[in-house]
Amino acid sequence: MPQTMLHTALPHRTSLLARLVRALNEARSRRRERLSLARLDPHLLRDIGLARDEAATEAAKPFWQP
């Protein structure tokens, strides 16, 4: 690969990798938060202002969905 192509392709590749890592971390975080939400008892749900069915709906979302 010519030197000039290497310099232009590398930042794009690094940027793509950084975005991929960030997206995976966000998905893992969403999954963890939704699992925690599903385990909360009704008293704690009331404290954060959620009804049981609202919490269940949010917890049932797939990890890739914001």
PDB file of N, CA and C in Angstrom:
ATOM      1  N   MET A   1       0.852  -1.178   0.000  1.00  0.00           N
ATOM      2  CA  MET A   1       0.000   0.000   0.000  1.00  0.00           C
ATOM      3  C   MET A   1       0.897   1.240   0.000  1.00  0.00           C
ATOM      4  N   PRO A   2       0.650   2.183  -0.902  1.00  0.00           N
ATOM      5  CA  PRO A   2       1.458   3.403  -0.933  1.00  0.00           C
ATOM      6  C   PRO A   2       1.339   4.160   0.385  1.00  0.00           C
ATOM      7  N   GLN A   3       2.368   4.885   0.724  1.00  0.00           N
ATOM      8  CA  GLN A   3       2.425   5.615   1.988  1.00  0.00           C
ATOM      9  C   GLN A   3       1.250   6.580   2.143  1.00  0.00           C
ATOM     10  N   THR A   4       0.870   7.281   1.072  1.00  0.00           N
ATOM     11  CA  THR A   4      -0.230   8.244   1.176  1.00  0.00           C
ATOM     12  C   THR A   4      -1.550   7.551   1.441  1.00  0.00           C
ATOM     13  N   MET A   5      -1.783   6.386   0.876  1.00  0.00           N
ATOM     14  CA  MET A   5      -3.028   5.653   1.123  1.00  0.00           C
ATOM     15  C   MET A   5      -3.079   5.141   2.554  1.00  0.00           C
ATOM     16  N   LEU A   6      -1.951   4.750   3.089  1.00  0.00           N
ATOM     17  CA  LEU A   6      -1.902   4.260   4.451  1.00  0.00           C
ATOM     18  C   LEU A   6      -2.320   5.348   5.424  1.00  0.00           C
ATOM     19  N   HIS A   7      -1.850   6.555   5.213  1.00  0.00           N
ATOM     20  CA  HIS A   7      -2.187   7.655   6.115  1.00  0.00           C
ATOM     21  C   HIS A   7      -3.648   8.048   6.016  1.00  0.00           C
ATOM     22  N   THR A   8      -4.257   7.915   4.871  1.00  0.00           N
ATOM     23  CA  THR A   8      -5.661   8.286   4.748  1.00  0.00           C
ATOM     24  C   THR A   8      -6.593   7.170   5.194  1.00  0.00           C
ATOM     25  N   ALA A   9      -6.187   5.926   5.064  1.00  0.00           N
ATOM     26  CA  ALA A   9      -7.048   4.813   5.444  1.00  0.00           C
ATOM     27  C   ALA A   9      -7.006   4.549   6.936  1.00  0.00           C
ATOM     28  N   LEU A  10      -5.884   4.772   7.580  1.00  0.00           N
ATOM     29  CA  LEU A  10      -5.728   4.448   8.985  1.00  0.00           C
ATOM     30  C   LEU A  10      -6.677   5.228   9.895  1.00  0.00           C
ATOM     31  N   PRO A  11      -6.808   6.546   9.766  1.00  0.00           N
ATOM     32  CA  PRO A  11      -7.749   7.250  10.648  1.00  0.00           C
ATOM     33  C   PRO A  11      -9.180   6.757  10.478  1.00  0.00           C
ATOM     34  N   HIS A  12      -9.578   6.443   9.263  1.00  0.00           N
ATOM     35  CA  HIS A  12     -10.923   5.938   9.039  1.00  0.00           C
ATOM     36  C   HIS A  12     -11.121   4.606   9.753  1.00  0.00           C
ATOM     37  N   ARG A  13     -10.147   3.727   9.642  1.00  0.00           N
ATOM     38  CA  ARG A  13     -10.225   2.420  10.279  1.00  0.00           C
ATOM     39  C   ARG A  13     -10.272   2.563  11.801  1.00  0.00           C
ATOM     40  N   THR A  14      -9.443   3.448  12.345  1.00  0.00           N
ATOM     41  CA  THR A  14      -9.429   3.692  13.781  1.00  0.00           C
ATOM     42  C   THR A  14     -10.762   4.271  14.225  1.00  0.00           C
ATOM     43  N   SER A  15     -11.278   5.188  13.455  1.00  0.00           N
ATOM     44  CA  SER A  15     -12.559   5.797  13.779  1.00  0.00           C
ATOM     45  C   SER A  15     -13.673   4.758  13.746  1.00  0.00           C
ATOM     46  N   LEU A  16     -13.646   3.899  12.765  1.00  0.00           N
ATOM     47  CA  LEU A  16     -14.648   2.847  12.656  1.00  0.00           C
ATOM     48  C   LEU A  16     -14.551   1.903  13.849  1.00  0.00           C
ATOM     49  N   LEU A  17     -13.347   1.530  14.217  1.00  0.00           N
ATOM     50  CA  LEU A  17     -13.152   0.654  15.364  1.00  0.00           C
ATOM     51  C   LEU A  17     -13.631   1.326  16.646  1.00  0.00           C
ATOM     52  N   ALA A  18     -13.321   2.587  16.819  1.00  0.00           N
ATOM     53  CA  ALA A  18     -13.753   3.326  18.005  1.00  0.00           C
ATOM     54  C   ALA A  18     -15.276   3.392  18.074  1.00  0.00           C
ATOM     55  N   ARG A  19     -15.918   3.627  16.942  1.00  0.00           N
ATOM     56  CA  ARG A  19     -17.390   3.668  16.926  1.00  0.00           C
ATOM     57  C   ARG A  19     -17.984   2.308  17.247  1.00  0.00           C
ATOM     58  N   LEU A  20     -17.374   1.261  16.736  1.00  0.00           N
ATOM     59  CA  LEU A  20     -17.850  -0.090  17.008  1.00  0.00           C
ATOM     60  C   LEU A  20     -17.725  -0.431  18.494  1.00  0.00           C
ATOM     61  N   VAL A  21     -16.594  -0.121  19.078  1.00  0.00           N
ATOM     62  CA  VAL A  21     -16.385  -0.369  20.511  1.00  0.00           C
ATOM     63  C   VAL A  21     -17.384   0.429  21.335  1.00  0.00           C
ATOM     64  N   ARG A  22     -17.592   1.682  20.984  1.00  0.00           N
ATOM     65  CA  ARG A  22     -18.547   2.529  21.703  1.00  0.00           C
ATOM     66  C   ARG A  22     -19.961   1.956  21.598  1.00  0.00           C
ATOM     67  N   ALA A  23     -20.351   1.515  20.420  1.00  0.00           N
ATOM     68  CA  ALA A  23     -21.689   0.946  20.225  1.00  0.00           C
ATOM     69  C   ALA A  23     -21.863  -0.344  21.022  1.00  0.00           C
ATOM     70  N   LEU A  24     -20.844  -1.168  21.047  1.00  0.00           N
ATOM     71  CA  LEU A  24     -20.924  -2.408  21.835  1.00  0.00           C
ATOM     72  C   LEU A  24     -21.020  -2.112  23.325  1.00  0.00           C
ATOM     73  N   ASN A  25     -20.260  -1.146  23.793  1.00  0.00           N
ATOM     74  CA  ASN A  25     -20.333  -0.768  25.208  1.00  0.00           C
ATOM     75  C   ASN A  25     -21.705  -0.213  25.571  1.00  0.00           C
ATOM     76  N   GLU A  26     -22.284   0.592  24.697  1.00  0.00           N
ATOM     77  CA  GLU A  26     -23.618   1.133  24.941  1.00  0.00           C
ATOM     78  C   GLU A  26     -24.665   0.025  24.973  1.00  0.00           C
ATOM     79  N   ALA A  27     -24.556  -0.930  24.068  1.00  0.00           N
ATOM     80  CA  ALA A  27     -25.497  -2.045  24.032  1.00  0.00           C
ATOM     81  C   ALA A  27     -25.383  -2.890  25.301  1.00  0.00           C
ATOM     82  N   ARG A  28     -24.157  -3.151  25.738  1.00  0.00           N
ATOM     83  CA  ARG A  28     -23.961  -3.914  26.980  1.00  0.00           C
ATOM     84  C   ARG A  28     -24.540  -3.170  28.168  1.00  0.00           C
ATOM     85  N   SER A  29     -24.340  -1.865  28.202  1.00  0.00           N
ATOM     86  CA  SER A  29     -24.866  -1.044  29.294  1.00  0.00           C
ATOM     87  C   SER A  29     -26.391  -1.062  29.300  1.00  0.00           C
ATOM     88  N   ARG A  30     -27.006  -0.915  28.122  1.00  0.00           N
ATOM     89  CA  ARG A  30     -28.474  -0.971  28.036  1.00  0.00           C
ATOM     90  C   ARG A  30     -29.005  -2.312  28.531  1.00  0.00           C
ATOM     91  N   ARG A  31     -28.342  -3.388  28.113  1.00  0.00           N
ATOM     92  CA  ARG A  31     -28.775  -4.728  28.535  1.00  0.00           C
ATOM     93  C   ARG A  31     -28.698  -4.870  30.048  1.00  0.00           C
ATOM     94  N   ARG A  32     -27.590  -4.431  30.621  1.00  0.00           N
ATOM     95  CA  ARG A  32     -27.399  -4.525  32.072  1.00  0.00           C
ATOM     96  C   ARG A  32     -28.446  -3.686  32.816  1.00  0.00           C
ATOM     97  N   GLU A  33     -28.702  -2.479  32.336  1.00  0.00           N
ATOM     98  CA  GLU A  33     -29.692  -1.610  32.978  1.00  0.00           C
ATOM     99  C   GLU A  33     -31.096  -2.192  32.878  1.00  0.00           C
ATOM    100  N   ARG A  34     -31.421  -2.777  31.748  1.00  0.00           N
ATOM    101  CA  ARG A  34     -32.755  -3.353  31.579  1.00  0.00           C
ATOM    102  C   ARG A  34     -32.939  -4.598  32.431  1.00  0.00           C
ATOM    103  N   LEU A  35     -31.892  -5.389  32.588  1.00  0.00           N
ATOM    104  CA  LEU A  35     -31.981  -6.550  33.486  1.00  0.00           C
ATOM    105  C   LEU A  35     -32.178  -6.090  34.926  1.00  0.00           C
ATOM    106  N   SER A  36     -31.481  -5.053  35.320  1.00  0.00           N
ATOM    107  CA  SER A  36     -31.647  -4.500  36.669  1.00  0.00           C
ATOM    108  C   SER A  36     -33.047  -3.947  36.861  1.00  0.00           C
ATOM    109  N   LEU A  37     -33.552  -3.255  35.876  1.00  0.00           N
ATOM    110  CA  LEU A  37     -34.896  -2.697  35.938  1.00  0.00           C
ATOM    111  C   LEU A  37     -35.942  -3.800  36.107  1.00  0.00           C
ATOM    112  N   ALA A  38     -35.752  -4.897  35.413  1.00  0.00           N
ATOM    113  CA  ALA A  38     -36.699  -6.011  35.492  1.00  0.00           C
ATOM    114  C   ALA A  38     -36.727  -6.638  36.887  1.00  0.00           C
ATOM    115  N   ARG A  39     -35.651  -6.491  37.643  1.00  0.00           N
ATOM    116  CA  ARG A  39     -35.568  -7.099  38.977  1.00  0.00           C
ATOM    117  C   ARG A  39     -36.085  -6.202  40.096  1.00  0.00           C
ATOM    118  N   LEU A  40     -36.378  -4.944  39.807  1.00  0.00           N
ATOM    119  CA  LEU A  40     -36.821  -4.028  40.857  1.00  0.00           C
ATOM    120  C   LEU A  40     -38.206  -4.404  41.378  1.00  0.00           C
ATOM    121  N   ASP A  41     -38.380  -4.261  42.684  1.00  0.00           N
ATOM    122  CA  ASP A  41     -39.697  -4.543  43.260  1.00  0.00           C
ATOM    123  C   ASP A  41     -40.612  -3.322  43.082  1.00  0.00           C
ATOM    124  N   PRO A  42     -41.917  -3.495  43.261  1.00  0.00           N
ATOM    125  CA  PRO A  42     -42.874  -2.402  43.021  1.00  0.00           C
ATOM    126  C   PRO A  42     -42.579  -1.136  43.837  1.00  0.00           C
ATOM    127  N   HIS A  43     -42.104  -1.309  45.061  1.00  0.00           N
ATOM    128  CA  HIS A  43     -41.792  -0.146  45.899  1.00  0.00           C
ATOM    129  C   HIS A  43     -40.683   0.704  45.263  1.00  0.00           C
ATOM    130  N   LEU A  44     -39.635   0.065  44.789  1.00  0.00           N
ATOM    131  CA  LEU A  44     -38.542   0.804  44.148  1.00  0.00           C
ATOM    132  C   LEU A  44     -38.982   1.410  42.821  1.00  0.00           C
ATOM    133  N   LEU A  45     -39.827   0.726  42.099  1.00  0.00           N
ATOM    134  CA  LEU A  45     -40.341   1.285  40.842  1.00  0.00           C
ATOM    135  C   LEU A  45     -41.145   2.553  41.107  1.00  0.00           C
ATOM    136  N   ARG A  46     -41.959   2.540  42.160  1.00  0.00           N
ATOM    137  CA  ARG A  46     -42.713   3.746  42.527  1.00  0.00           C
ATOM    138  C   ARG A  46     -41.768   4.885  42.867  1.00  0.00           C
ATOM    139  N   ASP A  47     -40.667   4.567  43.548  1.00  0.00           N
ATOM    140  CA  ASP A  47     -39.691   5.602  43.913  1.00  0.00           C
ATOM    141  C   ASP A  47     -39.102   6.292  42.691  1.00  0.00           C
ATOM    142  N   ILE A  48     -38.928   5.572  41.600  1.00  0.00           N
ATOM    143  CA  ILE A  48     -38.375   6.189  40.391  1.00  0.00           C
ATOM    144  C   ILE A  48     -39.466   6.627  39.415  1.00  0.00           C
ATOM    145  N   GLY A  49     -40.708   6.464  39.812  1.00  0.00           N
ATOM    146  CA  GLY A  49     -41.821   6.975  39.018  1.00  0.00           C
ATOM    147  C   GLY A  49     -42.251   6.102  37.858  1.00  0.00           C
ATOM    148  N   LEU A  50     -42.043   4.793  37.974  1.00  0.00           N
ATOM    149  CA  LEU A  50     -42.455   3.881  36.908  1.00  0.00           C
ATOM    150  C   LEU A  50     -43.495   2.889  37.413  1.00  0.00           C
ATOM    151  N   ALA A  51     -44.469   2.616  36.565  1.00  0.00           N
ATOM    152  CA  ALA A  51     -45.424   1.548  36.846  1.00  0.00           C
ATOM    153  C   ALA A  51     -44.790   0.227  36.433  1.00  0.00           C
ATOM    154  N   ARG A  52     -45.302  -0.861  36.973  1.00  0.00           N
ATOM    155  CA  ARG A  52     -44.747  -2.184  36.676  1.00  0.00           C
ATOM    156  C   ARG A  52     -44.789  -2.482  35.172  1.00  0.00           C
ATOM    157  N   ASP A  53     -45.908  -2.136  34.516  1.00  0.00           N
ATOM    158  CA  ASP A  53     -46.009  -2.427  33.083  1.00  0.00           C
ATOM    159  C   ASP A  53     -45.047  -1.575  32.256  1.00  0.00           C
ATOM    160  N   GLU A  54     -44.777  -0.330  32.683  1.00  0.00           N
ATOM    161  CA  GLU A  54     -43.792   0.502  31.984  1.00  0.00           C
ATOM    162  C   GLU A  54     -42.389  -0.095  32.120  1.00  0.00           C
ATOM    163  N   ALA A  55     -42.075  -0.560  33.313  1.00  0.00           N
ATOM    164  CA  ALA A  55     -40.768  -1.177  33.541  1.00  0.00           C
ATOM    165  C   ALA A  55     -40.637  -2.464  32.728  1.00  0.00           C
ATOM    166  N   ALA A  56     -41.702  -3.239  32.677  1.00  0.00           N
ATOM    167  CA  ALA A  56     -41.670  -4.493  31.922  1.00  0.00           C
ATOM    168  C   ALA A  56     -41.492  -4.226  30.426  1.00  0.00           C
ATOM    169  N   THR A  57     -42.154  -3.201  29.923  1.00  0.00           N
ATOM    170  CA  THR A  57     -42.020  -2.839  28.508  1.00  0.00           C
ATOM    171  C   THR A  57     -40.586  -2.424  28.192  1.00  0.00           C
ATOM    172  N   GLU A  58     -40.000  -1.595  29.036  1.00  0.00           N
ATOM    173  CA  GLU A  58     -38.623  -1.160  28.822  1.00  0.00           C
ATOM    174  C   GLU A  58     -37.645  -2.327  28.955  1.00  0.00           C
ATOM    175  N   ALA A  59     -37.853  -3.177  29.934  1.00  0.00           N
ATOM    176  CA  ALA A  59     -36.952  -4.313  30.162  1.00  0.00           C
ATOM    177  C   ALA A  59     -37.022  -5.334  29.028  1.00  0.00           C
ATOM    178  N   ALA A  60     -38.144  -5.389  28.336  1.00  0.00           N
ATOM    179  CA  ALA A  60     -38.318  -6.366  27.257  1.00  0.00           C
ATOM    180  C   ALA A  60     -37.692  -5.925  25.932  1.00  0.00           C
ATOM    181  N   LYS A  61     -37.276  -4.669  25.843  1.00  0.00           N
ATOM    182  CA  LYS A  61     -36.666  -4.184  24.605  1.00  0.00           C
ATOM    183  C   LYS A  61     -35.351  -4.917  24.346  1.00  0.00           C
ATOM    184  N   PRO A  62     -35.034  -5.184  23.088  1.00  0.00           N
ATOM    185  CA  PRO A  62     -33.742  -5.790  22.769  1.00  0.00           C
ATOM    186  C   PRO A  62     -32.603  -4.805  23.060  1.00  0.00           C
ATOM    187  N   PHE A  63     -31.430  -5.328  23.336  1.00  0.00           N
ATOM    188  CA  PHE A  63     -30.294  -4.496  23.742  1.00  0.00           C
ATOM    189  C   PHE A  63     -29.880  -3.482  22.690  1.00  0.00           C
ATOM    190  N   TRP A  64     -30.149  -3.750  21.424  1.00  0.00           N
ATOM    191  CA  TRP A  64     -29.723  -2.815  20.378  1.00  0.00           C
ATOM    192  C   TRP A  64     -30.698  -1.657  20.199  1.00  0.00           C
ATOM    193  N   GLN A  65     -31.846  -1.737  20.817  1.00  0.00           N
ATOM    194  CA  GLN A  65     -32.856  -0.676  20.670  1.00  0.00           C
ATOM    195  C   GLN A  65     -32.707   0.361  21.780  1.00  0.00           C
ATOM    196  N   PRO A  66     -32.527   1.624  21.423  1.00  0.00           N
ATOM    197  CA  PRO A  66     -32.386   2.675  22.462  1.00  0.00           C
ATOM    198  C   PRO A  66     -33.659   2.890  23.246  1.00  0.00           C
TER     199      PRO A  66
END
